[in-house]
Amino acid sequence: MTTTDPVPTPRWALTYGADLSIRVWGDDCMVHHGLSNDTHRLAAWLVPALKRLAEAPPAALDELATLMEADPETATDVLQQLEQLLLVQRC
């Protein structure tokens, strides 16, 4: 009988220098990345997860999904999109 190690849960953090400024208007938010000087329009339901990452990185996928009020699959898709924008990274 062989034992296998459990697959580690992905953890996420803000990218280096991602000093984010976040402003919320209704269902949307504007996120400004200080280092790159890029501004992105995102859904406001992402704000709790982004603020969590700004306060105490890294965070597990399950925790971020809960903050987004999303299932893990949706949260993974969103985090991958944020990763393409260079706002978050896997760690």
N, C-alpha and C. Protein backbone atom coordinates (compact mmCIF):
# COMPACT_ATOMS: atom_id res chain seq x y z
N MET A 1 0.84 -1.18 0.00
CA MET A 1 0.00 0.00 0.00
C MET A 1 0.88 1.24 0.00
N THR A 2 0.58 2.17 -0.88
CA THR A 2 1.35 3.40 -0.94
C THR A 2 0.51 4.56 -0.43
N THR A 3 1.19 5.51 0.11
CA THR A 3 0.48 6.71 0.56
C THR A 3 0.86 7.85 -0.37
N THR A 4 -0.07 8.71 -0.57
CA THR A 4 0.20 9.88 -1.39
C THR A 4 -0.04 11.13 -0.56
N ASP A 5 0.77 12.10 -0.83
CA ASP A 5 0.59 13.37 -0.14
C ASP A 5 -0.60 14.10 -0.74
N PRO A 6 -1.36 14.79 0.09
CA PRO A 6 -2.49 15.55 -0.45
C PRO A 6 -1.98 16.69 -1.34
N VAL A 7 -2.75 17.02 -2.34
CA VAL A 7 -2.39 18.12 -3.22
C VAL A 7 -2.55 19.42 -2.44
N PRO A 8 -1.50 20.25 -2.40
CA PRO A 8 -1.62 21.48 -1.63
C PRO A 8 -2.65 22.43 -2.24
N THR A 9 -3.37 23.11 -1.38
CA THR A 9 -4.35 24.09 -1.82
C THR A 9 -3.61 25.31 -2.34
N PRO A 10 -3.99 25.80 -3.51
CA PRO A 10 -3.32 27.00 -4.03
C PRO A 10 -3.47 28.17 -3.06
N ARG A 11 -2.40 28.93 -2.93
CA ARG A 11 -2.42 30.14 -2.11
C ARG A 11 -2.12 31.30 -3.03
N TRP A 12 -2.67 32.46 -2.69
CA TRP A 12 -2.57 33.62 -3.55
C TRP A 12 -2.10 34.83 -2.74
N ALA A 13 -1.40 35.74 -3.43
CA ALA A 13 -0.95 36.99 -2.82
C ALA A 13 -0.99 38.07 -3.90
N LEU A 14 -0.93 39.32 -3.46
CA LEU A 14 -0.78 40.40 -4.43
C LEU A 14 0.60 40.31 -5.05
N THR A 15 0.75 40.77 -6.27
CA THR A 15 2.05 40.78 -6.91
C THR A 15 2.95 41.81 -6.24
N TYR A 16 4.23 41.65 -6.44
CA TYR A 16 5.20 42.58 -5.85
C TYR A 16 4.88 44.00 -6.31
N GLY A 17 4.85 44.90 -5.36
CA GLY A 17 4.61 46.31 -5.66
C GLY A 17 3.17 46.64 -5.97
N ALA A 18 2.27 45.71 -5.72
CA ALA A 18 0.85 45.95 -6.02
C ALA A 18 0.21 46.75 -4.91
N ASP A 19 0.68 47.97 -4.74
CA ASP A 19 0.10 48.88 -3.76
C ASP A 19 -1.21 49.38 -4.35
N LEU A 20 -2.29 48.64 -4.10
CA LEU A 20 -3.56 48.90 -4.76
C LEU A 20 -4.35 50.00 -4.07
N SER A 21 -4.90 50.88 -4.89
CA SER A 21 -5.90 51.85 -4.44
C SER A 21 -7.22 51.37 -5.02
N ILE A 22 -8.23 51.24 -4.17
CA ILE A 22 -9.51 50.68 -4.61
C ILE A 22 -10.62 51.68 -4.31
N ARG A 23 -11.45 51.94 -5.30
CA ARG A 23 -12.62 52.80 -5.15
C ARG A 23 -13.82 52.03 -5.68
N VAL A 24 -14.92 52.06 -4.92
CA VAL A 24 -16.12 51.31 -5.28
C VAL A 24 -17.24 52.28 -5.65
N TRP A 25 -17.90 51.97 -6.77
CA TRP A 25 -19.10 52.70 -7.20
C TRP A 25 -20.13 51.67 -7.59
N GLY A 26 -21.13 51.50 -6.75
CA GLY A 26 -22.20 50.54 -7.04
C GLY A 26 -21.66 49.14 -7.19
N ASP A 27 -21.89 48.54 -8.34
CA ASP A 27 -21.47 47.16 -8.60
C ASP A 27 -20.08 47.06 -9.20
N ASP A 28 -19.42 48.20 -9.40
CA ASP A 28 -18.09 48.22 -10.01
C ASP A 28 -17.07 48.81 -9.04
N CYS A 29 -15.82 48.53 -9.34
CA CYS A 29 -14.75 49.17 -8.59
C CYS A 29 -13.60 49.47 -9.55
N MET A 30 -12.84 50.46 -9.19
CA MET A 30 -11.64 50.81 -9.93
C MET A 30 -10.46 50.45 -9.05
N VAL A 31 -9.51 49.73 -9.61
CA VAL A 31 -8.33 49.31 -8.87
C VAL A 31 -7.11 49.90 -9.58
N HIS A 32 -6.36 50.68 -8.84
CA HIS A 32 -5.15 51.28 -9.40
C HIS A 32 -3.94 50.57 -8.81
N HIS A 33 -3.06 50.08 -9.69
CA HIS A 33 -1.83 49.40 -9.29
C HIS A 33 -0.73 50.45 -9.28
N GLY A 34 -0.24 50.76 -8.08
CA GLY A 34 0.71 51.85 -7.91
C GLY A 34 2.00 51.70 -8.69
N LEU A 35 2.58 50.52 -8.72
CA LEU A 35 3.87 50.32 -9.37
C LEU A 35 3.78 50.45 -10.90
N SER A 36 2.76 49.81 -11.48
CA SER A 36 2.63 49.84 -12.94
C SER A 36 1.87 51.08 -13.42
N ASN A 37 1.15 51.73 -12.51
CA ASN A 37 0.29 52.88 -12.82
C ASN A 37 -0.88 52.48 -13.71
N ASP A 38 -1.26 51.19 -13.71
CA ASP A 38 -2.41 50.71 -14.47
C ASP A 38 -3.66 50.80 -13.60
N THR A 39 -4.78 51.11 -14.24
CA THR A 39 -6.07 51.15 -13.56
C THR A 39 -6.99 50.15 -14.23
N HIS A 40 -7.71 49.38 -13.42
CA HIS A 40 -8.59 48.33 -13.94
C HIS A 40 -9.99 48.50 -13.36
N ARG A 41 -10.99 48.28 -14.19
CA ARG A 41 -12.38 48.28 -13.75
C ARG A 41 -12.77 46.83 -13.47
N LEU A 42 -13.17 46.57 -12.24
CA LEU A 42 -13.50 45.21 -11.81
C LEU A 42 -14.86 45.20 -11.12
N ALA A 43 -15.37 44.01 -10.89
CA ALA A 43 -16.62 43.85 -10.15
C ALA A 43 -16.38 44.13 -8.66
N ALA A 44 -17.31 44.83 -8.04
CA ALA A 44 -17.16 45.22 -6.64
C ALA A 44 -17.10 44.01 -5.70
N TRP A 45 -17.66 42.86 -6.12
CA TRP A 45 -17.64 41.69 -5.23
C TRP A 45 -16.24 41.12 -5.05
N LEU A 46 -15.26 41.64 -5.80
CA LEU A 46 -13.86 41.21 -5.63
C LEU A 46 -13.15 41.98 -4.52
N VAL A 47 -13.71 43.10 -4.12
CA VAL A 47 -13.03 43.99 -3.17
C VAL A 47 -12.66 43.29 -1.85
N PRO A 48 -13.56 42.55 -1.21
CA PRO A 48 -13.16 41.90 0.05
C PRO A 48 -11.94 40.99 -0.10
N ALA A 49 -11.86 40.26 -1.20
CA ALA A 49 -10.72 39.36 -1.41
C ALA A 49 -9.44 40.17 -1.65
N LEU A 50 -9.52 41.23 -2.45
CA LEU A 50 -8.34 42.05 -2.70
C LEU A 50 -7.85 42.74 -1.43
N LYS A 51 -8.80 43.22 -0.63
CA LYS A 51 -8.41 43.85 0.65
C LYS A 51 -7.77 42.84 1.59
N ARG A 52 -8.28 41.63 1.59
CA ARG A 52 -7.70 40.57 2.43
C ARG A 52 -6.27 40.30 2.01
N LEU A 53 -6.01 40.23 0.73
CA LEU A 53 -4.66 39.99 0.24
C LEU A 53 -3.73 41.16 0.56
N ALA A 54 -4.27 42.36 0.55
CA ALA A 54 -3.46 43.54 0.86
C ALA A 54 -3.09 43.58 2.34
N GLU A 55 -3.95 43.05 3.20
CA GLU A 55 -3.74 43.12 4.65
C GLU A 55 -2.84 42.01 5.17
N ALA A 56 -3.00 40.80 4.67
CA ALA A 56 -2.27 39.67 5.26
C ALA A 56 -2.08 38.55 4.25
N PRO A 57 -1.24 38.75 3.25
CA PRO A 57 -1.03 37.67 2.28
C PRO A 57 -0.19 36.58 2.87
N PRO A 58 -0.14 35.40 2.32
CA PRO A 58 -1.03 34.91 1.26
C PRO A 58 -2.32 34.35 1.85
N ALA A 59 -3.24 34.00 0.96
CA ALA A 59 -4.52 33.44 1.38
C ALA A 59 -4.84 32.22 0.54
N ALA A 60 -5.53 31.28 1.16
CA ALA A 60 -5.93 30.05 0.47
C ALA A 60 -7.12 30.33 -0.45
N LEU A 61 -7.22 29.54 -1.49
CA LEU A 61 -8.31 29.67 -2.45
C LEU A 61 -9.66 29.62 -1.77
N ASP A 62 -9.85 28.70 -0.84
CA ASP A 62 -11.15 28.55 -0.17
C ASP A 62 -11.55 29.83 0.57
N GLU A 63 -10.59 30.45 1.24
CA GLU A 63 -10.89 31.69 1.96
C GLU A 63 -11.27 32.81 0.99
N LEU A 64 -10.53 32.92 -0.11
CA LEU A 64 -10.84 33.96 -1.09
C LEU A 64 -12.18 33.72 -1.77
N ALA A 65 -12.50 32.46 -2.04
CA ALA A 65 -13.80 32.12 -2.63
C ALA A 65 -14.93 32.53 -1.70
N THR A 66 -14.75 32.29 -0.41
CA THR A 66 -15.77 32.70 0.57
C THR A 66 -15.94 34.21 0.57
N LEU A 67 -14.84 34.94 0.55
CA LEU A 67 -14.91 36.40 0.54
C LEU A 67 -15.58 36.93 -0.73
N MET A 68 -15.38 36.22 -1.85
CA MET A 68 -16.00 36.61 -3.12
C MET A 68 -17.45 36.15 -3.21
N GLU A 69 -17.85 35.31 -2.26
CA GLU A 69 -19.17 34.67 -2.31
C GLU A 69 -19.32 33.90 -3.62
N ALA A 70 -18.26 33.15 -3.95
CA ALA A 70 -18.21 32.38 -5.19
C ALA A 70 -17.80 30.95 -4.89
N ASP A 71 -18.12 30.05 -5.80
CA ASP A 71 -17.66 28.67 -5.65
C ASP A 71 -16.16 28.64 -6.01
N PRO A 72 -15.44 27.61 -5.57
CA PRO A 72 -13.99 27.54 -5.82
C PRO A 72 -13.62 27.61 -7.30
N GLU A 73 -14.43 27.02 -8.17
CA GLU A 73 -14.12 27.05 -9.60
C GLU A 73 -14.18 28.48 -10.15
N THR A 74 -15.23 29.21 -9.78
CA THR A 74 -15.36 30.60 -10.21
C THR A 74 -14.23 31.44 -9.63
N ALA A 75 -13.92 31.24 -8.36
CA ALA A 75 -12.84 31.99 -7.72
C ALA A 75 -11.51 31.72 -8.42
N THR A 76 -11.27 30.48 -8.79
CA THR A 76 -10.02 30.14 -9.51
C THR A 76 -9.96 30.88 -10.84
N ASP A 77 -11.07 30.87 -11.57
CA ASP A 77 -11.11 31.57 -12.86
C ASP A 77 -10.83 33.06 -12.69
N VAL A 78 -11.45 33.67 -11.69
CA VAL A 78 -11.27 35.10 -11.45
C VAL A 78 -9.83 35.39 -11.04
N LEU A 79 -9.28 34.58 -10.16
CA LEU A 79 -7.90 34.79 -9.72
C LEU A 79 -6.92 34.64 -10.88
N GLN A 80 -7.20 33.71 -11.78
CA GLN A 80 -6.34 33.56 -12.96
C GLN A 80 -6.43 34.79 -13.86
N GLN A 81 -7.61 35.39 -13.96
CA GLN A 81 -7.75 36.61 -14.74
C GLN A 81 -7.01 37.77 -14.07
N LEU A 82 -7.11 37.85 -12.74
CA LEU A 82 -6.37 38.89 -12.00
C LEU A 82 -4.87 38.66 -12.12
N GLU A 83 -4.47 37.41 -12.22
CA GLU A 83 -3.06 37.07 -12.40
C GLU A 83 -2.57 37.58 -13.76
N GLN A 84 -3.41 37.48 -14.79
CA GLN A 84 -3.04 37.98 -16.12
C GLN A 84 -2.90 39.50 -16.11
N LEU A 85 -3.65 40.17 -15.23
CA LEU A 85 -3.54 41.63 -15.09
C LEU A 85 -2.38 42.03 -14.20
N LEU A 86 -1.66 41.02 -13.68
CA LEU A 86 -0.50 41.23 -12.78
C LEU A 86 -0.90 41.87 -11.45
N LEU A 87 -2.12 41.56 -11.00
CA LEU A 87 -2.58 42.05 -9.69
C LEU A 87 -2.31 41.04 -8.59
N VAL A 88 -2.43 39.75 -8.91
CA VAL A 88 -2.21 38.68 -7.93
C VAL A 88 -1.26 37.64 -8.52
N GLN A 89 -0.73 36.80 -7.64
CA GLN A 89 0.13 35.71 -8.08
C GLN A 89 -0.06 34.51 -7.16
N ARG A 90 0.19 33.33 -7.69
CA ARG A 90 0.19 32.10 -6.88
C ARG A 90 1.47 32.06 -6.08
N CYS A 91 1.37 31.51 -4.91
CA CYS A 91 2.59 31.36 -4.11
C CYS A 91 2.55 30.05 -3.34
